[in-house]
Amino acid sequence: MKKIELDVDFIGEQSKLSKEEEKAISEFFQLKKSSNQRRKSSKNAEKKSSK
């Protein structure tokens, strides 16, 4: 039988996030997602124009 050992580190407290922290993280990921989508759409446009 195999035994898998995980080496896990925790950063910060293990308590729940406050509403302000949840909102800040949510906004961060929304901005990151929208910037990634813009980057993908501009790359697709470059590929189409080079063909």
N, C-alpha and C. Protein backbone atom coordinates (compact mmCIF):
# COMPACT_ATOMS: atom_id res chain seq x y z
N MET A 1 0.85 -1.19 0.00
CA MET A 1 0.00 0.00 0.00
C MET A 1 0.89 1.24 0.00
N LYS A 2 0.59 2.19 -0.91
CA LYS A 2 1.36 3.42 -1.00
C LYS A 2 0.84 4.43 0.01
N LYS A 3 1.76 5.17 0.56
CA LYS A 3 1.40 6.24 1.47
C LYS A 3 1.94 7.54 0.90
N ILE A 4 1.06 8.50 0.69
CA ILE A 4 1.45 9.79 0.13
C ILE A 4 1.53 10.79 1.28
N GLU A 5 2.68 11.42 1.39
CA GLU A 5 2.86 12.43 2.42
C GLU A 5 2.90 13.80 1.76
N LEU A 6 2.06 14.68 2.21
CA LEU A 6 2.01 16.03 1.66
C LEU A 6 2.71 17.00 2.61
N ASP A 7 3.52 17.86 2.03
CA ASP A 7 4.18 18.90 2.81
C ASP A 7 3.45 20.20 2.51
N VAL A 8 2.58 20.60 3.41
CA VAL A 8 1.71 21.75 3.18
C VAL A 8 2.09 22.86 4.14
N ASP A 9 2.25 24.06 3.58
CA ASP A 9 2.51 25.24 4.40
C ASP A 9 1.29 26.16 4.34
N PHE A 10 1.00 26.77 5.45
CA PHE A 10 -0.08 27.74 5.50
C PHE A 10 0.52 29.12 5.72
N ILE A 11 0.04 30.09 4.97
CA ILE A 11 0.49 31.46 5.12
C ILE A 11 -0.67 32.26 5.69
N GLY A 12 -0.43 32.95 6.76
CA GLY A 12 -1.46 33.78 7.36
C GLY A 12 -2.30 33.01 8.37
N GLU A 13 -3.34 33.65 8.80
CA GLU A 13 -4.23 33.07 9.80
C GLU A 13 -5.16 32.05 9.16
N GLN A 14 -5.72 31.21 9.96
CA GLN A 14 -6.66 30.20 9.47
C GLN A 14 -8.10 30.57 9.78
N SER A 15 -8.34 31.83 10.07
CA SER A 15 -9.70 32.30 10.37
C SER A 15 -10.38 32.72 9.07
N LYS A 16 -11.68 32.94 9.15
CA LYS A 16 -12.44 33.37 7.97
C LYS A 16 -12.02 34.76 7.53
N LEU A 17 -12.20 35.04 6.25
CA LEU A 17 -11.91 36.36 5.72
C LEU A 17 -13.02 37.33 6.08
N SER A 18 -12.65 38.59 6.24
CA SER A 18 -13.66 39.62 6.47
C SER A 18 -14.33 39.95 5.14
N LYS A 19 -15.44 40.63 5.19
CA LYS A 19 -16.16 41.01 3.96
C LYS A 19 -15.28 41.87 3.06
N GLU A 20 -14.48 42.76 3.66
CA GLU A 20 -13.59 43.62 2.88
C GLU A 20 -12.52 42.79 2.18
N GLU A 21 -11.98 41.80 2.89
CA GLU A 21 -10.95 40.93 2.30
C GLU A 21 -11.54 40.10 1.16
N GLU A 22 -12.74 39.55 1.37
CA GLU A 22 -13.39 38.77 0.32
C GLU A 22 -13.62 39.63 -0.93
N LYS A 23 -14.07 40.86 -0.72
CA LYS A 23 -14.34 41.77 -1.84
C LYS A 23 -13.05 42.11 -2.57
N ALA A 24 -11.98 42.37 -1.83
CA ALA A 24 -10.69 42.71 -2.45
C ALA A 24 -10.17 41.55 -3.28
N ILE A 25 -10.26 40.35 -2.77
CA ILE A 25 -9.79 39.17 -3.52
C ILE A 25 -10.65 38.95 -4.75
N SER A 26 -11.95 39.09 -4.61
CA SER A 26 -12.87 38.92 -5.73
C SER A 26 -12.57 39.93 -6.84
N GLU A 27 -12.36 41.19 -6.46
CA GLU A 27 -12.04 42.22 -7.46
C GLU A 27 -10.71 41.94 -8.14
N PHE A 28 -9.72 41.47 -7.39
CA PHE A 28 -8.42 41.14 -7.95
C PHE A 28 -8.56 40.07 -9.03
N PHE A 29 -9.29 39.00 -8.73
CA PHE A 29 -9.43 37.92 -9.71
C PHE A 29 -10.27 38.35 -10.90
N GLN A 30 -11.26 39.21 -10.71
CA GLN A 30 -12.05 39.71 -11.83
C GLN A 30 -11.17 40.53 -12.77
N LEU A 31 -10.31 41.39 -12.20
CA LEU A 31 -9.40 42.20 -13.02
C LEU A 31 -8.40 41.31 -13.75
N LYS A 32 -7.89 40.31 -13.06
CA LYS A 32 -6.93 39.39 -13.67
C LYS A 32 -7.58 38.62 -14.81
N LYS A 33 -8.79 38.16 -14.59
CA LYS A 33 -9.51 37.41 -15.62
C LYS A 33 -9.79 38.30 -16.84
N SER A 34 -10.21 39.53 -16.63
CA SER A 34 -10.51 40.42 -17.75
C SER A 34 -9.24 40.79 -18.51
N SER A 35 -8.12 40.95 -17.81
CA SER A 35 -6.87 41.28 -18.51
C SER A 35 -6.38 40.08 -19.31
N ASN A 36 -6.58 38.87 -18.79
CA ASN A 36 -6.20 37.66 -19.54
C ASN A 36 -7.05 37.51 -20.79
N GLN A 37 -8.33 37.82 -20.69
CA GLN A 37 -9.22 37.72 -21.85
C GLN A 37 -8.84 38.74 -22.91
N ARG A 38 -8.46 39.95 -22.49
CA ARG A 38 -8.03 40.97 -23.46
C ARG A 38 -6.77 40.51 -24.17
N ARG A 39 -5.85 39.92 -23.41
CA ARG A 39 -4.60 39.45 -23.98
C ARG A 39 -4.85 38.36 -25.01
N LYS A 40 -5.75 37.42 -24.67
CA LYS A 40 -6.08 36.33 -25.59
C LYS A 40 -6.73 36.87 -26.86
N SER A 41 -7.64 37.82 -26.71
CA SER A 41 -8.33 38.36 -27.88
C SER A 41 -7.37 39.13 -28.77
N SER A 42 -6.40 39.83 -28.19
CA SER A 42 -5.43 40.56 -29.01
C SER A 42 -4.48 39.59 -29.71
N LYS A 43 -4.13 38.48 -29.07
CA LYS A 43 -3.28 37.47 -29.71
C LYS A 43 -4.02 36.82 -30.86
N ASN A 44 -5.31 36.53 -30.68
CA ASN A 44 -6.11 35.95 -31.76
C ASN A 44 -6.21 36.90 -32.94
N ALA A 45 -6.35 38.18 -32.67
CA ALA A 45 -6.43 39.17 -33.73
C ALA A 45 -5.12 39.26 -34.49
N GLU A 46 -3.99 39.16 -33.77
CA GLU A 46 -2.68 39.18 -34.41
C GLU A 46 -2.50 37.97 -35.30
N LYS A 47 -2.93 36.81 -34.83
CA LYS A 47 -2.80 35.58 -35.63
C LYS A 47 -3.62 35.70 -36.92
N LYS A 48 -4.84 36.21 -36.81
CA LYS A 48 -5.71 36.33 -37.98
C LYS A 48 -5.16 37.33 -38.98
N SER A 49 -4.57 38.43 -38.50
CA SER A 49 -4.06 39.45 -39.41
C SER A 49 -2.77 38.99 -40.08
N SER A 50 -2.02 38.08 -39.46
CA SER A 50 -0.76 37.63 -40.06
C SER A 50 -0.98 36.54 -41.10
N LYS A 51 -2.17 35.97 -41.16
CA LYS A 51 -2.44 34.88 -42.13
C LYS A 51 -2.71 35.39 -43.49
